[in-house]
Every structure is written in C-alpha cells, then in structure tokens.
C-alpha cells in the first residue's frame, strides 16, 4: 500500500511537498581570480604538481615492469 493511500485510510492529511533544492551559484570569474592570485603568490605550486605527477608516473611504470619481471 502506498503512503498516500495509507494516509487517506488513517485520516491523515497528505504530505506537504518540499521545496526544490537549489544548487548554489558559482561565480566563475571570482574563482578564476582567486586561483590566479594564489598562483601569483606561490609560483612554485605548478612545479610541485608537475613534479608529483612525474614521480607517480615513473613509479607506476617501474611497478608495472617490476611486476612482470622485466627488471
């Protein structure tokens, strides 16, 4: 039995519908400006990300070669 029929049978009024959930609006320009300000303030950040990506890539390749027994 559905909830609406059960409520009707028990004499309970129908449920009130909840409002639509509104997603917050993102200000793309403000976010871009914050990112640019952070990168200007700390110019080493891109090098750290690229360095970490290269280390992970080399480590993954080494792990694959090691697991297949070629090294």
PDB file of N, CA and C in Angstrom:
ATOM      1  N   UNK A   1       0.853  -1.163   0.000  1.00  0.00           N
ATOM      2  CA  UNK A   1       0.000   0.000   0.000  1.00  0.00           C
ATOM      3  C   UNK A   1       0.903   1.231   0.000  1.00  0.00           C
ATOM      4  N   UNK A   2       0.571   2.194  -0.835  1.00  0.00           N
ATOM      5  CA  UNK A   2       1.362   3.409  -0.919  1.00  0.00           C
ATOM      6  C   UNK A   2       1.103   4.328   0.256  1.00  0.00           C
ATOM      7  N   UNK A   3       2.011   5.261   0.408  1.00  0.00           N
ATOM      8  CA  UNK A   3       1.894   6.175   1.547  1.00  0.00           C
ATOM      9  C   UNK A   3       0.645   7.034   1.439  1.00  0.00           C
ATOM     10  N   UNK A   4       0.291   7.465   0.229  1.00  0.00           N
ATOM     11  CA  UNK A   4      -0.886   8.322   0.058  1.00  0.00           C
ATOM     12  C   UNK A   4      -2.162   7.573   0.457  1.00  0.00           C
ATOM     13  N   UNK A   5      -2.275   6.323   0.058  1.00  0.00           N
ATOM     14  CA  UNK A   5      -3.464   5.535   0.412  1.00  0.00           C
ATOM     15  C   UNK A   5      -3.505   5.280   1.922  1.00  0.00           C
ATOM     16  N   UNK A   6      -2.358   4.990   2.508  1.00  0.00           N
ATOM     17  CA  UNK A   6      -2.299   4.741   3.946  1.00  0.00           C
ATOM     18  C   UNK A   6      -2.703   5.988   4.716  1.00  0.00           C
ATOM     19  N   UNK A   7      -2.212   7.145   4.285  1.00  0.00           N
ATOM     20  CA  UNK A   7      -2.578   8.393   4.959  1.00  0.00           C
ATOM     21  C   UNK A   7      -4.077   8.655   4.828  1.00  0.00           C
ATOM     22  N   UNK A   8      -4.618   8.381   3.632  1.00  0.00           N
ATOM     23  CA  UNK A   8      -6.050   8.604   3.417  1.00  0.00           C
ATOM     24  C   UNK A   8      -6.872   7.674   4.308  1.00  0.00           C
ATOM     25  N   UNK A   9      -6.426   6.426   4.414  1.00  0.00           N
ATOM     26  CA  UNK A   9      -7.141   5.446   5.223  1.00  0.00           C
ATOM     27  C   UNK A   9      -7.107   5.826   6.707  1.00  0.00           C
ATOM     28  N   UNK A  10      -5.966   6.376   7.169  1.00  0.00           N
ATOM     29  CA  UNK A  10      -5.833   6.765   8.567  1.00  0.00           C
ATOM     30  C   UNK A  10      -6.426   8.146   8.851  1.00  0.00           C
ATOM     31  N   UNK A  11      -6.820   8.856   7.813  1.00  0.00           N
ATOM     32  CA  UNK A  11      -7.402  10.176   8.003  1.00  0.00           C
ATOM     33  C   UNK A  11      -6.373  11.266   8.215  1.00  0.00           C
ATOM     34  N   UNK A  12      -5.146  10.992   7.821  1.00  0.00           N
ATOM     35  CA  UNK A  12      -4.065  11.967   7.962  1.00  0.00           C
ATOM     36  C   UNK A  12      -4.026  12.805   6.679  1.00  0.00           C
ATOM     37  N   UNK A  13      -3.818  14.118   6.790  1.00  0.00           N
ATOM     38  CA  UNK A  13      -3.744  14.936   5.578  1.00  0.00           C
ATOM     39  C   UNK A  13      -2.522  14.554   4.740  1.00  0.00           C
ATOM     40  N   UNK A  14      -2.588  14.825   3.453  1.00  0.00           N
ATOM     41  CA  UNK A  14      -1.446  14.496   2.577  1.00  0.00           C
ATOM     42  C   UNK A  14      -0.184  15.242   3.003  1.00  0.00           C
ATOM     43  N   UNK A  15       0.935  14.632   2.678  1.00  0.00           N
ATOM     44  CA  UNK A  15       2.219  15.259   2.999  1.00  0.00           C
ATOM     45  C   UNK A  15       2.390  16.529   2.190  1.00  0.00           C
ATOM     46  N   UNK A  16       3.005  17.523   2.817  1.00  0.00           N
ATOM     47  CA  UNK A  16       3.296  18.743   2.076  1.00  0.00           C
ATOM     48  C   UNK A  16       4.554  18.511   1.249  1.00  0.00           C
ATOM     49  N   UNK A  17       4.523  19.019   0.038  1.00  0.00           N
ATOM     50  CA  UNK A  17       5.674  18.851  -0.849  1.00  0.00           C
ATOM     51  C   UNK A  17       6.785  19.801  -0.425  1.00  0.00           C
ATOM     52  N   UNK A  18       7.984  19.269  -0.409  1.00  0.00           N
ATOM     53  CA  UNK A  18       9.131  20.092  -0.032  1.00  0.00           C
ATOM     54  C   UNK A  18       9.548  20.957  -1.211  1.00  0.00           C
ATOM     55  N   UNK A  19      10.245  22.031  -0.906  1.00  0.00           N
ATOM     56  CA  UNK A  19      10.705  22.935  -1.953  1.00  0.00           C
ATOM     57  C   UNK A  19      11.814  22.267  -2.766  1.00  0.00           C
ATOM     58  N   UNK A  20      11.987  22.773  -3.965  1.00  0.00           N
ATOM     59  CA  UNK A  20      13.062  22.282  -4.820  1.00  0.00           C
ATOM     60  C   UNK A  20      14.404  22.649  -4.192  1.00  0.00           C
ATOM     61  N   UNK A  21      15.343  21.749  -4.277  1.00  0.00           N
ATOM     62  CA  UNK A  21      16.675  22.016  -3.754  1.00  0.00           C
ATOM     63  C   UNK A  21      17.407  22.880  -4.773  1.00  0.00           C
ATOM     64  N   UNK A  22      17.870  24.028  -4.323  1.00  0.00           N
ATOM     65  CA  UNK A  22      18.571  24.941  -5.220  1.00  0.00           C
ATOM     66  C   UNK A  22      20.069  24.796  -5.003  1.00  0.00           C
ATOM     67  N   UNK A  23      20.777  24.597  -6.089  1.00  0.00           N
ATOM     68  CA  UNK A  23      22.224  24.497  -6.013  1.00  0.00           C
ATOM     69  C   UNK A  23      22.816  25.898  -5.916  1.00  0.00           C
ATOM     70  N   UNK A  24      23.883  26.044  -5.175  1.00  0.00           N
ATOM     71  CA  UNK A  24      24.490  27.377  -5.081  1.00  0.00           C
ATOM     72  C   UNK A  24      25.088  27.796  -6.418  1.00  0.00           C
ATOM     73  N   UNK A  25      24.967  29.048  -6.725  1.00  0.00           N
ATOM     74  CA  UNK A  25      25.528  29.577  -7.965  1.00  0.00           C
ATOM     75  C   UNK A  25      27.016  29.856  -7.747  1.00  0.00           C
ATOM     76  N   UNK A  26      27.827  29.366  -8.656  1.00  0.00           N
ATOM     77  CA  UNK A  26      29.262  29.576  -8.562  1.00  0.00           C
ATOM     78  C   UNK A  26      29.656  30.753  -9.439  1.00  0.00           C
ATOM     79  N   UNK A  27      30.441  31.650  -8.893  1.00  0.00           N
ATOM     80  CA  UNK A  27      30.937  32.794  -9.638  1.00  0.00           C
ATOM     81  C   UNK A  27      32.272  32.406 -10.257  1.00  0.00           C
ATOM     82  N   UNK A  28      32.220  32.067 -11.535  1.00  0.00           N
ATOM     83  CA  UNK A  28      33.395  31.536 -12.212  1.00  0.00           C
ATOM     84  C   UNK A  28      34.529  32.559 -12.262  1.00  0.00           C
ATOM     85  N   UNK A  29      34.193  33.803 -12.500  1.00  0.00           N
ATOM     86  CA  UNK A  29      35.223  34.849 -12.581  1.00  0.00           C
ATOM     87  C   UNK A  29      35.938  35.030 -11.240  1.00  0.00           C
ATOM     88  N   UNK A  30      35.174  35.006 -10.147  1.00  0.00           N
ATOM     89  CA  UNK A  30      35.781  35.180  -8.824  1.00  0.00           C
ATOM     90  C   UNK A  30      36.695  34.004  -8.491  1.00  0.00           C
ATOM     91  N   UNK A  31      36.275  32.791  -8.844  1.00  0.00           N
ATOM     92  CA  UNK A  31      37.101  31.610  -8.586  1.00  0.00           C
ATOM     93  C   UNK A  31      38.389  31.675  -9.396  1.00  0.00           C
ATOM     94  N   UNK A  32      38.273  32.065 -10.681  1.00  0.00           N
ATOM     95  CA  UNK A  32      39.468  32.190 -11.514  1.00  0.00           C
ATOM     96  C   UNK A  32      40.422  33.232 -10.947  1.00  0.00           C
ATOM     97  N   UNK A  33      39.879  34.329 -10.453  1.00  0.00           N
ATOM     98  CA  UNK A  33      40.721  35.379  -9.885  1.00  0.00           C
ATOM     99  C   UNK A  33      41.434  34.895  -8.620  1.00  0.00           C
ATOM    100  N   UNK A  34      40.731  34.126  -7.788  1.00  0.00           N
ATOM    101  CA  UNK A  34      41.360  33.590  -6.573  1.00  0.00           C
ATOM    102  C   UNK A  34      42.489  32.624  -6.916  1.00  0.00           C
ATOM    103  N   UNK A  35      42.255  31.773  -7.919  1.00  0.00           N
ATOM    104  CA  UNK A  35      43.285  30.814  -8.332  1.00  0.00           C
ATOM    105  C   UNK A  35      44.492  31.561  -8.882  1.00  0.00           C
ATOM    106  N   UNK A  36      44.250  32.554  -9.724  1.00  0.00           N
ATOM    107  CA  UNK A  36      45.368  33.328 -10.282  1.00  0.00           C
ATOM    108  C   UNK A  36      46.145  34.044  -9.181  1.00  0.00           C
ATOM    109  N   UNK A  37      45.438  34.636  -8.215  1.00  0.00           N
ATOM    110  CA  UNK A  37      46.123  35.317  -7.119  1.00  0.00           C
ATOM    111  C   UNK A  37      46.976  34.347  -6.313  1.00  0.00           C
ATOM    112  N   UNK A  38      46.444  33.133  -6.085  1.00  0.00           N
ATOM    113  CA  UNK A  38      47.210  32.132  -5.344  1.00  0.00           C
ATOM    114  C   UNK A  38      48.450  31.710  -6.127  1.00  0.00           C
ATOM    115  N   UNK A  39      48.294  31.522  -7.437  1.00  0.00           N
ATOM    116  CA  UNK A  39      49.447  31.113  -8.248  1.00  0.00           C
ATOM    117  C   UNK A  39      50.484  32.228  -8.352  1.00  0.00           C
ATOM    118  N   UNK A  40      50.040  33.476  -8.381  1.00  0.00           N
ATOM    119  CA  UNK A  40      50.998  34.581  -8.393  1.00  0.00           C
ATOM    120  C   UNK A  40      51.711  34.688  -7.052  1.00  0.00           C
ATOM    121  N   UNK A  41      50.981  34.400  -5.974  1.00  0.00           N
ATOM    122  CA  UNK A  41      51.571  34.489  -4.645  1.00  0.00           C
ATOM    123  C   UNK A  41      52.569  33.355  -4.403  1.00  0.00           C
ATOM    124  N   UNK A  42      52.220  32.142  -4.879  1.00  0.00           N
ATOM    125  CA  UNK A  42      53.074  30.964  -4.694  1.00  0.00           C
ATOM    126  C   UNK A  42      53.380  30.355  -6.069  1.00  0.00           C
ATOM    127  N   UNK A  43      54.357  30.870  -6.797  1.00  0.00           N
ATOM    128  CA  UNK A  43      54.618  30.373  -8.152  1.00  0.00           C
ATOM    129  C   UNK A  43      55.219  28.968  -8.190  1.00  0.00           C
ATOM    130  N   UNK A  44      55.573  28.398  -7.057  1.00  0.00           N
ATOM    131  CA  UNK A  44      56.164  27.061  -7.023  1.00  0.00           C
ATOM    132  C   UNK A  44      55.101  25.969  -7.144  1.00  0.00           C
ATOM    133  N   UNK A  45      53.845  26.312  -6.900  1.00  0.00           N
ATOM    134  CA  UNK A  45      52.774  25.307  -6.875  1.00  0.00           C
ATOM    135  C   UNK A  45      52.687  24.492  -8.170  1.00  0.00           C
ATOM    136  N   UNK A  46      52.697  25.104  -9.370  1.00  0.00           N
ATOM    137  CA  UNK A  46      52.621  24.274 -10.586  1.00  0.00           C
ATOM    138  C   UNK A  46      53.784  23.296 -10.705  1.00  0.00           C
ATOM    139  N   UNK A  47      54.986  23.732 -10.303  1.00  0.00           N
ATOM    140  CA  UNK A  47      56.137  22.834 -10.373  1.00  0.00           C
ATOM    141  C   UNK A  47      55.978  21.652  -9.423  1.00  0.00           C
ATOM    142  N   UNK A  48      55.404  21.897  -8.259  1.00  0.00           N
ATOM    143  CA  UNK A  48      55.155  20.802  -7.319  1.00  0.00           C
ATOM    144  C   UNK A  48      54.156  19.804  -7.886  1.00  0.00           C
ATOM    145  N   UNK A  49      53.074  20.310  -8.492  1.00  0.00           N
ATOM    146  CA  UNK A  49      52.081  19.408  -9.078  1.00  0.00           C
ATOM    147  C   UNK A  49      52.666  18.594 -10.230  1.00  0.00           C
ATOM    148  N   UNK A  50      53.412  19.271 -11.125  1.00  0.00           N
ATOM    149  CA  UNK A  50      54.020  18.546 -12.241  1.00  0.00           C
ATOM    150  C   UNK A  50      55.055  17.546 -11.750  1.00  0.00           C
ATOM    151  N   UNK A  51      55.832  17.942 -10.755  1.00  0.00           N
ATOM    152  CA  UNK A  51      56.824  17.023 -10.199  1.00  0.00           C
ATOM    153  C   UNK A  51      56.175  15.805  -9.577  1.00  0.00           C
ATOM    154  N   UNK A  52      55.089  16.023  -8.827  1.00  0.00           N
ATOM    155  CA  UNK A  52      54.385  14.896  -8.212  1.00  0.00           C
ATOM    156  C   UNK A  52      53.794  13.981  -9.273  1.00  0.00           C
ATOM    157  N   UNK A  53      53.254  14.567 -10.341  1.00  0.00           N
ATOM    158  CA  UNK A  53      52.677  13.754 -11.415  1.00  0.00           C
ATOM    159  C   UNK A  53      53.757  12.914 -12.100  1.00  0.00           C
ATOM    160  N   UNK A  54      54.917  13.488 -12.325  1.00  0.00           N
ATOM    161  CA  UNK A  54      56.007  12.744 -12.974  1.00  0.00           C
ATOM    162  C   UNK A  54      56.504  11.632 -12.066  1.00  0.00           C
ATOM    163  N   UNK A  55      56.635  11.907 -10.771  1.00  0.00           N
ATOM    164  CA  UNK A  55      57.084  10.875  -9.821  1.00  0.00           C
ATOM    165  C   UNK A  55      56.082   9.726  -9.788  1.00  0.00           C
ATOM    166  N   UNK A  56      54.792  10.042  -9.755  1.00  0.00           N
ATOM    167  CA  UNK A  56      53.757   8.994  -9.737  1.00  0.00           C
ATOM    168  C   UNK A  56      53.793   8.187 -11.027  1.00  0.00           C
ATOM    169  N   UNK A  57      53.962   8.868 -12.163  1.00  0.00           N
ATOM    170  CA  UNK A  57      54.026   8.170 -13.449  1.00  0.00           C
ATOM    171  C   UNK A  57      55.227   7.242 -13.524  1.00  0.00           C
ATOM    172  N   UNK A  58      56.395   7.724 -13.139  1.00  0.00           N
ATOM    173  CA  UNK A  58      57.603   6.895 -13.180  1.00  0.00           C
ATOM    174  C   UNK A  58      57.477   5.733 -12.200  1.00  0.00           C
ATOM    175  N   UNK A  59      56.952   6.009 -11.009  1.00  0.00           N
ATOM    176  CA  UNK A  59      56.752   4.938 -10.032  1.00  0.00           C
ATOM    177  C   UNK A  59      55.784   3.879 -10.540  1.00  0.00           C
ATOM    178  N   UNK A  60      54.721   4.303 -11.211  1.00  0.00           N
ATOM    179  CA  UNK A  60      53.766   3.341 -11.766  1.00  0.00           C
ATOM    180  C   UNK A  60      54.370   2.489 -12.863  1.00  0.00           C
ATOM    181  N   UNK A  61      55.152   3.124 -13.738  1.00  0.00           N
ATOM    182  CA  UNK A  61      55.820   2.367 -14.806  1.00  0.00           C
ATOM    183  C   UNK A  61      56.808   1.379 -14.198  1.00  0.00           C
ATOM    184  N   UNK A  62      57.573   1.821 -13.204  1.00  0.00           N
ATOM    185  CA  UNK A  62      58.522   0.930 -12.534  1.00  0.00           C
ATOM    186  C   UNK A  62      57.793  -0.241 -11.877  1.00  0.00           C
ATOM    187  N   UNK A  63      56.654   0.038 -11.228  1.00  0.00           N
ATOM    188  CA  UNK A  63      55.877  -1.022 -10.583  1.00  0.00           C
ATOM    189  C   UNK A  63      55.375  -2.039 -11.612  1.00  0.00           C
ATOM    190  N   UNK A  64      54.909  -1.564 -12.747  1.00  0.00           N
ATOM    191  CA  UNK A  64      54.412  -2.482 -13.792  1.00  0.00           C
ATOM    192  C   UNK A  64      55.550  -3.345 -14.312  1.00  0.00           C
ATOM    193  N   UNK A  65      56.694  -2.727 -14.619  1.00  0.00           N
ATOM    194  CA  UNK A  65      57.826  -3.514 -15.107  1.00  0.00           C
ATOM    195  C   UNK A  65      58.312  -4.517 -14.075  1.00  0.00           C
ATOM    196  N   UNK A  66      58.307  -4.101 -12.809  1.00  0.00           N
ATOM    197  CA  UNK A  66      58.761  -4.986 -11.740  1.00  0.00           C
ATOM    198  C   UNK A  66      57.792  -6.156 -11.565  1.00  0.00           C
ATOM    199  N   UNK A  67      56.492  -5.877 -11.701  1.00  0.00           N
ATOM    200  CA  UNK A  67      55.512  -6.944 -11.501  1.00  0.00           C
ATOM    201  C   UNK A  67      55.548  -7.967 -12.626  1.00  0.00           C
ATOM    202  N   UNK A  68      55.942  -7.557 -13.824  1.00  0.00           N
ATOM    203  CA  UNK A  68      56.068  -8.506 -14.944  1.00  0.00           C
ATOM    204  C   UNK A  68      57.439  -9.170 -14.976  1.00  0.00           C
ATOM    205  N   UNK A  69      58.338  -8.731 -14.125  1.00  0.00           N
ATOM    206  CA  UNK A  69      59.645  -9.389 -14.013  1.00  0.00           C
ATOM    207  C   UNK A  69      60.634  -9.006 -15.074  1.00  0.00           C
ATOM    208  N   UNK A  70      60.439  -7.866 -15.749  1.00  0.00           N
ATOM    209  CA  UNK A  70      61.376  -7.462 -16.799  1.00  0.00           C
ATOM    210  C   UNK A  70      62.572  -6.712 -16.244  1.00  0.00           C
ATOM    211  N   UNK A  71      62.456  -6.234 -15.012  1.00  0.00           N
ATOM    212  CA  UNK A  71      63.599  -5.518 -14.432  1.00  0.00           C
ATOM    213  C   UNK A  71      64.232  -6.392 -13.364  1.00  0.00           C
TER     214      UNK A  71
END
